[in-house]
Amino acid sequence: RVEVRGGKVYVNGAALEEPYVWQSPGYLMREQTIPADNYFVLGDNRNYSDDSHKGWHVHRGDIAGKAWVVYWPPRRWQLIQHQPSGLGKIDDSPSGAPLLLNSN
């Protein structure tokens, strides 16, 4: 279950800590249950990203890997330090890149 309220994203009722987000989401999104083998995906520019808060999900088969670098804007170029999310189990994809599995 995912919802957005009060400038925070909640997964299964727990607010996410998101130090990588520039602005808190300025919108509300009612709680929704993500179907099995689907993922809820948000951009880091929450208020302007065309992402899952607009009603779509990403199927597991459409995931090719995971982000590893921030390149825009150039002054923020950096490698991404992945942190365990605790939202689901980590599984190894065929490419060797760990993927977060749906926690349902």
PDB file of N, CA and C in Angstrom:
ATOM      1  N   ARG A   1       0.841  -1.176   0.000  1.00  0.00           N
ATOM      2  CA  ARG A   1       0.000   0.000   0.000  1.00  0.00           C
ATOM      3  C   ARG A   1       0.888   1.242   0.000  1.00  0.00           C
ATOM      4  N   VAL A   2       0.542   2.197  -0.852  1.00  0.00           N
ATOM      5  CA  VAL A   2       1.301   3.438  -0.971  1.00  0.00           C
ATOM      6  C   VAL A   2       0.323   4.598  -0.964  1.00  0.00           C
ATOM      7  N   GLU A   3       0.694   5.673  -0.270  1.00  0.00           N
ATOM      8  CA  GLU A   3      -0.101   6.903  -0.325  1.00  0.00           C
ATOM      9  C   GLU A   3       0.828   8.093  -0.127  1.00  0.00           C
ATOM     10  N   VAL A   4       0.363   9.268  -0.555  1.00  0.00           N
ATOM     11  CA  VAL A   4       1.111  10.510  -0.367  1.00  0.00           C
ATOM     12  C   VAL A   4       0.183  11.498   0.316  1.00  0.00           C
ATOM     13  N   ARG A   5       0.645  12.019   1.460  1.00  0.00           N
ATOM     14  CA  ARG A   5      -0.136  13.027   2.190  1.00  0.00           C
ATOM     15  C   ARG A   5       0.807  13.839   3.065  1.00  0.00           C
ATOM     16  N   GLY A   6       0.461  15.086   3.261  1.00  0.00           N
ATOM     17  CA  GLY A   6       1.255  15.944   4.137  1.00  0.00           C
ATOM     18  C   GLY A   6       2.708  16.069   3.713  1.00  0.00           C
ATOM     19  N   GLY A   7       2.973  15.984   2.409  1.00  0.00           N
ATOM     20  CA  GLY A   7       4.339  16.123   1.918  1.00  0.00           C
ATOM     21  C   GLY A   7       5.212  14.901   2.123  1.00  0.00           C
ATOM     22  N   LYS A   8       4.615  13.765   2.480  1.00  0.00           N
ATOM     23  CA  LYS A   8       5.386  12.532   2.715  1.00  0.00           C
ATOM     24  C   LYS A   8       4.781  11.369   1.940  1.00  0.00           C
ATOM     25  N   VAL A   9       5.648  10.429   1.598  1.00  0.00           N
ATOM     26  CA  VAL A   9       5.229   9.184   0.961  1.00  0.00           C
ATOM     27  C   VAL A   9       5.158   8.123   2.052  1.00  0.00           C
ATOM     28  N   TYR A  10       4.056   7.402   2.098  1.00  0.00           N
ATOM     29  CA  TYR A  10       3.851   6.342   3.087  1.00  0.00           C
ATOM     30  C   TYR A  10       3.760   4.999   2.379  1.00  0.00           C
ATOM     31  N   VAL A  11       4.506   4.031   2.874  1.00  0.00           N
ATOM     32  CA  VAL A  11       4.454   2.666   2.360  1.00  0.00           C
ATOM     33  C   VAL A  11       4.049   1.770   3.518  1.00  0.00           C
ATOM     34  N   ASN A  12       2.941   1.076   3.341  1.00  0.00           N
ATOM     35  CA  ASN A  12       2.385   0.223   4.397  1.00  0.00           C
ATOM     36  C   ASN A  12       2.235   0.990   5.711  1.00  0.00           C
ATOM     37  N   GLY A  13       1.840   2.259   5.614  1.00  0.00           N
ATOM     38  CA  GLY A  13       1.586   3.089   6.789  1.00  0.00           C
ATOM     39  C   GLY A  13       2.788   3.793   7.376  1.00  0.00           C
ATOM     40  N   ALA A  14       3.993   3.479   6.911  1.00  0.00           N
ATOM     41  CA  ALA A  14       5.213   4.091   7.453  1.00  0.00           C
ATOM     42  C   ALA A  14       5.742   5.162   6.501  1.00  0.00           C
ATOM     43  N   ALA A  15       6.047   6.346   7.045  1.00  0.00           N
ATOM     44  CA  ALA A  15       6.587   7.440   6.237  1.00  0.00           C
ATOM     45  C   ALA A  15       8.017   7.116   5.813  1.00  0.00           C
ATOM     46  N   LEU A  16       8.333   7.398   4.551  1.00  0.00           N
ATOM     47  CA  LEU A  16       9.695   7.195   4.055  1.00  0.00           C
ATOM     48  C   LEU A  16      10.567   8.387   4.417  1.00  0.00           C
ATOM     49  N   GLU A  17      11.808   8.140   4.774  1.00  0.00           N
ATOM     50  CA  GLU A  17      12.805   9.196   4.929  1.00  0.00           C
ATOM     51  C   GLU A  17      13.472   9.324   3.572  1.00  0.00           C
ATOM     52  N   GLU A  18      13.409  10.521   2.989  1.00  0.00           N
ATOM     53  CA  GLU A  18      13.901  10.705   1.628  1.00  0.00           C
ATOM     54  C   GLU A  18      14.832  11.913   1.523  1.00  0.00           C
ATOM     55  N   PRO A  19      16.068  11.810   1.993  1.00  0.00           N
ATOM     56  CA  PRO A  19      16.981  12.949   1.953  1.00  0.00           C
ATOM     57  C   PRO A  19      17.389  13.348   0.538  1.00  0.00           C
ATOM     58  N   TYR A  20      17.160  12.493  -0.451  1.00  0.00           N
ATOM     59  CA  TYR A  20      17.542  12.744  -1.836  1.00  0.00           C
ATOM     60  C   TYR A  20      16.510  13.562  -2.597  1.00  0.00           C
ATOM     61  N   VAL A  21      15.350  13.814  -2.019  1.00  0.00           N
ATOM     62  CA  VAL A  21      14.280  14.552  -2.694  1.00  0.00           C
ATOM     63  C   VAL A  21      14.461  16.045  -2.454  1.00  0.00           C
ATOM     64  N   TRP A  22      14.426  16.821  -3.529  1.00  0.00           N
ATOM     65  CA  TRP A  22      14.622  18.273  -3.416  1.00  0.00           C
ATOM     66  C   TRP A  22      13.446  18.955  -2.748  1.00  0.00           C
ATOM     67  N   GLN A  23      12.239  18.584  -3.145  1.00  0.00           N
ATOM     68  CA  GLN A  23      11.018  19.178  -2.592  1.00  0.00           C
ATOM     69  C   GLN A  23      10.066  18.063  -2.200  1.00  0.00           C
ATOM     70  N   SER A  24       9.414  18.248  -1.092  1.00  0.00           N
ATOM     71  CA  SER A  24       8.393  17.278  -0.688  1.00  0.00           C
ATOM     72  C   SER A  24       7.241  17.327  -1.680  1.00  0.00           C
ATOM     73  N   PRO A  25       6.548  16.217  -1.874  1.00  0.00           N
ATOM     74  CA  PRO A  25       5.419  16.240  -2.797  1.00  0.00           C
ATOM     75  C   PRO A  25       4.344  17.217  -2.329  1.00  0.00           C
ATOM     76  N   GLY A  26       3.897  18.044  -3.244  1.00  0.00           N
ATOM     77  CA  GLY A  26       2.866  19.031  -2.940  1.00  0.00           C
ATOM     78  C   GLY A  26       1.494  18.564  -3.383  1.00  0.00           C
ATOM     79  N   TYR A  27       1.298  17.281  -3.448  1.00  0.00           N
ATOM     80  CA  TYR A  27       0.021  16.714  -3.885  1.00  0.00           C
ATOM     81  C   TYR A  27      -0.402  15.617  -2.920  1.00  0.00           C
ATOM     82  N   LEU A  28      -1.663  15.258  -2.996  1.00  0.00           N
ATOM     83  CA  LEU A  28      -2.201  14.133  -2.229  1.00  0.00           C
ATOM     84  C   LEU A  28      -2.452  12.980  -3.183  1.00  0.00           C
ATOM     85  N   MET A  29      -2.210  11.786  -2.720  1.00  0.00           N
ATOM     86  CA  MET A  29      -2.533  10.600  -3.493  1.00  0.00           C
ATOM     87  C   MET A  29      -3.153   9.599  -2.538  1.00  0.00           C
ATOM     88  N   ARG A  30      -4.371   9.218  -2.827  1.00  0.00           N
ATOM     89  CA  ARG A  30      -5.047   8.236  -1.975  1.00  0.00           C
ATOM     90  C   ARG A  30      -4.273   6.930  -1.942  1.00  0.00           C
ATOM     91  N   GLU A  31      -4.440   6.210  -0.833  1.00  0.00           N
ATOM     92  CA  GLU A  31      -3.764   4.921  -0.682  1.00  0.00           C
ATOM     93  C   GLU A  31      -4.165   3.984  -1.811  1.00  0.00           C
ATOM     94  N   GLN A  32      -3.180   3.307  -2.356  1.00  0.00           N
ATOM     95  CA  GLN A  32      -3.444   2.301  -3.376  1.00  0.00           C
ATOM     96  C   GLN A  32      -2.581   1.073  -3.114  1.00  0.00           C
ATOM     97  N   THR A  33      -3.108  -0.058  -3.487  1.00  0.00           N
ATOM     98  CA  THR A  33      -2.382  -1.315  -3.362  1.00  0.00           C
ATOM     99  C   THR A  33      -1.742  -1.613  -4.702  1.00  0.00           C
ATOM    100  N   ILE A  34      -0.460  -1.908  -4.671  1.00  0.00           N
ATOM    101  CA  ILE A  34       0.280  -2.186  -5.895  1.00  0.00           C
ATOM    102  C   ILE A  34       0.123  -3.672  -6.226  1.00  0.00           C
ATOM    103  N   PRO A  35      -0.292  -3.980  -7.461  1.00  0.00           N
ATOM    104  CA  PRO A  35      -0.481  -5.384  -7.837  1.00  0.00           C
ATOM    105  C   PRO A  35       0.826  -6.179  -7.751  1.00  0.00           C
ATOM    106  N   ALA A  36       0.706  -7.471  -7.568  1.00  0.00           N
ATOM    107  CA  ALA A  36       1.879  -8.352  -7.545  1.00  0.00           C
ATOM    108  C   ALA A  36       2.686  -8.169  -8.826  1.00  0.00           C
ATOM    109  N   ASP A  37       3.999  -8.250  -8.708  1.00  0.00           N
ATOM    110  CA  ASP A  37       4.939  -8.109  -9.827  1.00  0.00           C
ATOM    111  C   ASP A  37       4.910  -6.723 -10.456  1.00  0.00           C
ATOM    112  N   ASN A  38       4.413  -5.720  -9.732  1.00  0.00           N
ATOM    113  CA  ASN A  38       4.416  -4.337 -10.188  1.00  0.00           C
ATOM    114  C   ASN A  38       5.085  -3.477  -9.130  1.00  0.00           C
ATOM    115  N   TYR A  39       5.599  -2.332  -9.554  1.00  0.00           N
ATOM    116  CA  TYR A  39       6.322  -1.428  -8.666  1.00  0.00           C
ATOM    117  C   TYR A  39       5.778  -0.023  -8.803  1.00  0.00           C
ATOM    118  N   PHE A  40       5.767   0.681  -7.711  1.00  0.00           N
ATOM    119  CA  PHE A  40       5.380   2.080  -7.640  1.00  0.00           C
ATOM    120  C   PHE A  40       6.679   2.873  -7.732  1.00  0.00           C
ATOM    121  N   VAL A  41       6.802   3.743  -8.733  1.00  0.00           N
ATOM    122  CA  VAL A  41       8.059   4.430  -9.010  1.00  0.00           C
ATOM    123  C   VAL A  41       7.837   5.937  -8.986  1.00  0.00           C
ATOM    124  N   LEU A  42       8.648   6.648  -8.187  1.00  0.00           N
ATOM    125  CA  LEU A  42       8.572   8.105  -8.122  1.00  0.00           C
ATOM    126  C   LEU A  42       9.900   8.716  -8.536  1.00  0.00           C
ATOM    127  N   GLY A  43       9.829   9.841  -9.244  1.00  0.00           N
ATOM    128  CA  GLY A  43      11.037  10.591  -9.576  1.00  0.00           C
ATOM    129  C   GLY A  43      11.486  11.420  -8.385  1.00  0.00           C
ATOM    130  N   ASP A  44      12.742  11.857  -8.397  1.00  0.00           N
ATOM    131  CA  ASP A  44      13.233  12.658  -7.274  1.00  0.00           C
ATOM    132  C   ASP A  44      12.722  14.089  -7.331  1.00  0.00           C
ATOM    133  N   ASN A  45      12.226  14.543  -8.476  1.00  0.00           N
ATOM    134  CA  ASN A  45      11.619  15.862  -8.616  1.00  0.00           C
ATOM    135  C   ASN A  45      10.105  15.670  -8.493  1.00  0.00           C
ATOM    136  N   ARG A  46       9.671  15.332  -7.287  1.00  0.00           N
ATOM    137  CA  ARG A  46       8.326  14.833  -7.033  1.00  0.00           C
ATOM    138  C   ARG A  46       7.195  15.658  -7.636  1.00  0.00           C
ATOM    139  N   ASN A  47       7.289  16.962  -7.616  1.00  0.00           N
ATOM    140  CA  ASN A  47       6.167  17.786  -8.062  1.00  0.00           C
ATOM    141  C   ASN A  47       6.083  17.927  -9.576  1.00  0.00           C
ATOM    142  N   TYR A  48       7.106  17.498 -10.298  1.00  0.00           N
ATOM    143  CA  TYR A  48       7.106  17.653 -11.749  1.00  0.00           C
ATOM    144  C   TYR A  48       7.398  16.358 -12.492  1.00  0.00           C
ATOM    145  N   SER A  49       7.528  15.254 -11.784  1.00  0.00           N
ATOM    146  CA  SER A  49       7.823  13.971 -12.425  1.00  0.00           C
ATOM    147  C   SER A  49       6.545  13.310 -12.933  1.00  0.00           C
ATOM    148  N   ASP A  50       6.638  12.740 -14.126  1.00  0.00           N
ATOM    149  CA  ASP A  50       5.536  11.953 -14.682  1.00  0.00           C
ATOM    150  C   ASP A  50       5.769  10.520 -14.215  1.00  0.00           C
ATOM    151  N   ASP A  51       5.235  10.196 -13.043  1.00  0.00           N
ATOM    152  CA  ASP A  51       5.579   8.936 -12.394  1.00  0.00           C
ATOM    153  C   ASP A  51       4.345   8.227 -11.858  1.00  0.00           C
ATOM    154  N   SER A  52       4.544   7.272 -10.974  1.00  0.00           N
ATOM    155  CA  SER A  52       3.441   6.419 -10.510  1.00  0.00           C
ATOM    156  C   SER A  52       2.358   7.146  -9.728  1.00  0.00           C
ATOM    157  N   HIS A  53       2.633   8.333  -9.213  1.00  0.00           N
ATOM    158  CA  HIS A  53       1.562   9.043  -8.502  1.00  0.00           C
ATOM    159  C   HIS A  53       0.450   9.448  -9.466  1.00  0.00           C
ATOM    160  N   LYS A  54       0.718   9.363 -10.774  1.00  0.00           N
ATOM    161  CA  LYS A  54      -0.296   9.680 -11.775  1.00  0.00           C
ATOM    162  C   LYS A  54      -1.108   8.454 -12.173  1.00  0.00           C
ATOM    163  N   GLY A  55      -0.888   7.328 -11.480  1.00  0.00           N
ATOM    164  CA  GLY A  55      -1.770   6.187 -11.662  1.00  0.00           C
ATOM    165  C   GLY A  55      -1.207   4.985 -12.388  1.00  0.00           C
ATOM    166  N   TRP A  56       0.054   4.997 -12.757  1.00  0.00           N
ATOM    167  CA  TRP A  56       0.606   3.824 -13.437  1.00  0.00           C
ATOM    168  C   TRP A  56       1.689   3.168 -12.593  1.00  0.00           C
ATOM    169  N   HIS A  57       1.977   1.915 -12.919  1.00  0.00           N
ATOM    170  CA  HIS A  57       2.998   1.130 -12.223  1.00  0.00           C
ATOM    171  C   HIS A  57       3.951   0.545 -13.255  1.00  0.00           C
ATOM    172  N   VAL A  58       5.071   0.038 -12.799  1.00  0.00           N
ATOM    173  CA  VAL A  58       6.050  -0.600 -13.679  1.00  0.00           C
ATOM    174  C   VAL A  58       6.040  -2.099 -13.388  1.00  0.00           C
ATOM    175  N   HIS A  59       5.857  -2.886 -14.421  1.00  0.00           N
ATOM    176  CA  HIS A  59       5.878  -4.343 -14.263  1.00  0.00           C
ATOM    177  C   HIS A  59       7.317  -4.814 -14.090  1.00  0.00           C
ATOM    178  N   ARG A  60       7.493  -5.820 -13.262  1.00  0.00           N
ATOM    179  CA  ARG A  60       8.835  -6.356 -12.977  1.00  0.00           C
ATOM    180  C   ARG A  60       9.609  -6.677 -14.253  1.00  0.00           C
ATOM    181  N   GLY A  61       8.945  -7.212 -15.247  1.00  0.00           N
ATOM    182  CA  GLY A  61       9.610  -7.569 -16.500  1.00  0.00           C
ATOM    183  C   GLY A  61      10.139  -6.374 -17.271  1.00  0.00           C
ATOM    184  N   ASP A  62       9.665  -5.169 -16.935  1.00  0.00           N
ATOM    185  CA  ASP A  62      10.125  -3.959 -17.616  1.00  0.00           C
ATOM    186  C   ASP A  62      11.295  -3.284 -16.910  1.00  0.00           C
ATOM    187  N   ILE A  63      11.738  -3.837 -15.783  1.00  0.00           N
ATOM    188  CA  ILE A  63      12.866  -3.255 -15.049  1.00  0.00           C
ATOM    189  C   ILE A  63      14.155  -3.851 -15.592  1.00  0.00           C
ATOM    190  N   ALA A  64      15.058  -2.970 -16.049  1.00  0.00           N
ATOM    191  CA  ALA A  64      16.304  -3.425 -16.661  1.00  0.00           C
ATOM    192  C   ALA A  64      17.489  -3.363 -15.708  1.00  0.00           C
ATOM    193  N   GLY A  65      17.388  -2.623 -14.632  1.00  0.00           N
ATOM    194  CA  GLY A  65      18.507  -2.465 -13.708  1.00  0.00           C
ATOM    195  C   GLY A  65      18.164  -1.387 -12.702  1.00  0.00           C
ATOM    196  N   LYS A  66      19.190  -0.770 -12.113  1.00  0.00           N
ATOM    197  CA  LYS A  66      18.902   0.308 -11.178  1.00  0.00           C
ATOM    198  C   LYS A  66      19.817   1.489 -11.448  1.00  0.00           C
ATOM    199  N   ALA A  67      19.342   2.657 -11.068  1.00  0.00           N
ATOM    200  CA  ALA A  67      20.109   3.883 -11.287  1.00  0.00           C
ATOM    201  C   ALA A  67      21.398   3.835 -10.482  1.00  0.00           C
ATOM    202  N   TRP A  68      22.460   4.401 -11.035  1.00  0.00           N
ATOM    203  CA  TRP A  68      23.729   4.410 -10.314  1.00  0.00           C
ATOM    204  C   TRP A  68      24.425   5.761 -10.351  1.00  0.00           C
ATOM    205  N   VAL A  69      23.861   6.736 -11.089  1.00  0.00           N
ATOM    206  CA  VAL A  69      24.498   8.053 -11.150  1.00  0.00           C
ATOM    207  C   VAL A  69      23.440   9.148 -11.276  1.00  0.00           C
ATOM    208  N   VAL A  70      23.701  10.294 -10.637  1.00  0.00           N
ATOM    209  CA  VAL A  70      22.919  11.517 -10.826  1.00  0.00           C
ATOM    210  C   VAL A  70      23.742  12.376 -11.779  1.00  0.00           C
ATOM    211  N   TYR A  71      23.146  12.798 -12.894  1.00  0.00           N
ATOM    212  CA  TYR A  71      23.916  13.602 -13.840  1.00  0.00           C
ATOM    213  C   TYR A  71      23.304  14.973 -14.111  1.00  0.00           C
ATOM    214  N   TRP A  72      22.115  15.232 -13.576  1.00  0.00           N
ATOM    215  CA  TRP A  72      21.488  16.530 -13.808  1.00  0.00           C
ATOM    216  C   TRP A  72      20.906  17.052 -12.519  1.00  0.00           C
ATOM    217  N   PRO A  73      21.092  18.277 -12.221  1.00  0.00           N
ATOM    218  CA  PRO A  73      21.934  19.244 -12.924  1.00  0.00           C
ATOM    219  C   PRO A  73      23.411  18.919 -12.723  1.00  0.00           C
ATOM    220  N   PRO A  74      24.262  19.389 -13.628  1.00  0.00           N
ATOM    221  CA  PRO A  74      25.688  19.034 -13.573  1.00  0.00           C
ATOM    222  C   PRO A  74      26.355  19.318 -12.226  1.00  0.00           C
ATOM    223  N   ARG A  75      25.931  20.346 -11.534  1.00  0.00           N
ATOM    224  CA  ARG A  75      26.564  20.659 -10.238  1.00  0.00           C
ATOM    225  C   ARG A  75      26.264  19.596  -9.177  1.00  0.00           C
ATOM    226  N   ARG A  76      25.283  18.725  -9.440  1.00  0.00           N
ATOM    227  CA  ARG A  76      24.937  17.655  -8.489  1.00  0.00           C
ATOM    228  C   ARG A  76      25.405  16.280  -8.958  1.00  0.00           C
ATOM    229  N   TRP A  77      26.285  16.223  -9.959  1.00  0.00           N
ATOM    230  CA  TRP A  77      26.754  14.939 -10.463  1.00  0.00           C
ATOM    231  C   TRP A  77      27.324  14.137  -9.304  1.00  0.00           C
ATOM    232  N   GLN A  78      26.877  12.883  -9.187  1.00  0.00           N
ATOM    233  CA  GLN A  78      27.382  12.012  -8.123  1.00  0.00           C
ATOM    234  C   GLN A  78      26.969  10.572  -8.385  1.00  0.00           C
ATOM    235  N   LEU A  79      27.710   9.655  -7.797  1.00  0.00           N
ATOM    236  CA  LEU A  79      27.317   8.254  -7.816  1.00  0.00           C
ATOM    237  C   LEU A  79      26.266   8.056  -6.733  1.00  0.00           C
ATOM    238  N   ILE A  80      25.308   7.209  -6.986  1.00  0.00           N
ATOM    239  CA  ILE A  80      24.232   6.964  -6.029  1.00  0.00           C
ATOM    240  C   ILE A  80      24.675   5.904  -5.030  1.00  0.00           C
ATOM    241  N   GLN A  81      24.560   6.243  -3.771  1.00  0.00           N
ATOM    242  CA  GLN A  81      24.859   5.296  -2.700  1.00  0.00           C
ATOM    243  C   GLN A  81      23.547   4.628  -2.307  1.00  0.00           C
ATOM    244  N   HIS A  82      23.357   3.395  -2.688  1.00  0.00           N
ATOM    245  CA  HIS A  82      22.102   2.700  -2.406  1.00  0.00           C
ATOM    246  C   HIS A  82      22.035   2.293  -0.945  1.00  0.00           C
ATOM    247  N   GLN A  83      20.897   2.564  -0.343  1.00  0.00           N
ATOM    248  CA  GLN A  83      20.652   2.224   1.052  1.00  0.00           C
ATOM    249  C   GLN A  83      19.574   1.153   1.103  1.00  0.00           C
ATOM    250  N   PRO A  84      19.686   0.207   2.011  1.00  0.00           N
ATOM    251  CA  PRO A  84      18.599  -0.771   2.157  1.00  0.00           C
ATOM    252  C   PRO A  84      17.317  -0.045   2.553  1.00  0.00           C
ATOM    253  N   SER A  85      16.218  -0.374   1.909  1.00  0.00           N
ATOM    254  CA  SER A  85      14.969   0.334   2.176  1.00  0.00           C
ATOM    255  C   SER A  85      14.142  -0.319   3.266  1.00  0.00           C
ATOM    256  N   GLY A  86      14.285  -1.612   3.445  1.00  0.00           N
ATOM    257  CA  GLY A  86      13.460  -2.305   4.419  1.00  0.00           C
ATOM    258  C   GLY A  86      12.026  -2.481   3.966  1.00  0.00           C
ATOM    259  N   LEU A  87      11.727  -2.151   2.706  1.00  0.00           N
ATOM    260  CA  LEU A  87      10.354  -2.225   2.223  1.00  0.00           C
ATOM    261  C   LEU A  87      10.020  -3.569   1.599  1.00  0.00           C
ATOM    262  N   GLY A  88      11.002  -4.343   1.310  1.00  0.00           N
ATOM    263  CA  GLY A  88      10.777  -5.634   0.685  1.00  0.00           C
ATOM    264  C   GLY A  88      12.091  -6.387   0.673  1.00  0.00           C
ATOM    265  N   LYS A  89      12.074  -7.558   0.117  1.00  0.00           N
ATOM    266  CA  LYS A  89      13.321  -8.311   0.093  1.00  0.00           C
ATOM    267  C   LYS A  89      14.120  -7.949  -1.155  1.00  0.00           C
ATOM    268  N   ILE A  90      15.419  -8.116  -1.060  1.00  0.00           N
ATOM    269  CA  ILE A  90      16.288  -7.858  -2.196  1.00  0.00           C
ATOM    270  C   ILE A  90      16.555  -9.185  -2.892  1.00  0.00           C
ATOM    271  N   ASP A  91      16.420  -9.173  -4.191  1.00  0.00           N
ATOM    272  CA  ASP A  91      16.635 -10.371  -4.981  1.00  0.00           C
ATOM    273  C   ASP A  91      17.653 -10.029  -6.052  1.00  0.00           C
ATOM    274  N   ASP A  92      18.393 -10.997  -6.529  1.00  0.00           N
ATOM    275  CA  ASP A  92      19.353 -10.746  -7.594  1.00  0.00           C
ATOM    276  C   ASP A  92      18.684 -10.960  -8.938  1.00  0.00           C
ATOM    277  N   SER A  93      18.839  -9.966  -9.803  1.00  0.00           N
ATOM    278  CA  SER A  93      18.308 -10.078 -11.150  1.00  0.00           C
ATOM    279  C   SER A  93      19.305 -10.865 -11.990  1.00  0.00           C
ATOM    280  N   PRO A  94      18.917 -11.304 -13.175  1.00  0.00           N
ATOM    281  CA  PRO A  94      19.858 -12.021 -14.034  1.00  0.00           C
ATOM    282  C   PRO A  94      21.100 -11.190 -14.352  1.00  0.00           C
ATOM    283  N   SER A  95      20.968  -9.859 -14.366  1.00  0.00           N
ATOM    284  CA  SER A  95      22.111  -9.003 -14.687  1.00  0.00           C
ATOM    285  C   SER A  95      23.053  -8.846 -13.504  1.00  0.00           C
ATOM    286  N   GLY A  96      22.650  -9.321 -12.332  1.00  0.00           N
ATOM    287  CA  GLY A  96      23.488  -9.179 -11.146  1.00  0.00           C
ATOM    288  C   GLY A  96      23.170  -7.946 -10.328  1.00  0.00           C
ATOM    289  N   ALA A  97      22.312  -7.048 -10.843  1.00  0.00           N
ATOM    290  CA  ALA A  97      21.936  -5.849 -10.092  1.00  0.00           C
ATOM    291  C   ALA A  97      20.797  -6.200  -9.151  1.00  0.00           C
ATOM    292  N   PRO A  98      20.931  -5.927  -7.844  1.00  0.00           N
ATOM    293  CA  PRO A  98      19.841  -6.255  -6.928  1.00  0.00           C
ATOM    294  C   PRO A  98      18.590  -5.437  -7.227  1.00  0.00           C
ATOM    295  N   LEU A  99      17.449  -6.052  -7.070  1.00  0.00           N
ATOM    296  CA  LEU A  99      16.166  -5.390  -7.289  1.00  0.00           C
ATOM    297  C   LEU A  99      15.330  -5.493  -6.028  1.00  0.00           C
ATOM    298  N   LEU A 100      14.564  -4.453  -5.734  1.00  0.00           N
ATOM    299  CA  LEU A 100      13.632  -4.484  -4.613  1.00  0.00           C
ATOM    300  C   LEU A 100      12.344  -5.140  -5.084  1.00  0.00           C
ATOM    301  N   LEU A 101      11.981  -6.225  -4.446  1.00  0.00           N
ATOM    302  CA  LEU A 101      10.757  -6.928  -4.820  1.00  0.00           C
ATOM    303  C   LEU A 101       9.553  -6.350  -4.106  1.00  0.00           C
ATOM    304  N   ASN A 102       8.410  -6.481  -4.725  1.00  0.00           N
ATOM    305  CA  ASN A 102       7.152  -6.046  -4.139  1.00  0.00           C
ATOM    306  C   ASN A 102       6.987  -6.699  -2.773  1.00  0.00           C
ATOM    307  N   SER A 103       6.586  -5.911  -1.787  1.00  0.00           N
ATOM    308  CA  SER A 103       6.480  -6.431  -0.420  1.00  0.00           C
ATOM    309  C   SER A 103       5.112  -7.028  -0.114  1.00  0.00           C
ATOM    310  N   ASN A 104       4.217  -7.098  -1.097  1.00  0.00           N
ATOM    311  CA  ASN A 104       2.885  -7.684  -0.878  1.00  0.00           C
ATOM    312  C   ASN A 104       2.967  -9.178  -0.773  1.00  0.00           C
TER     313      ASN A 104
END
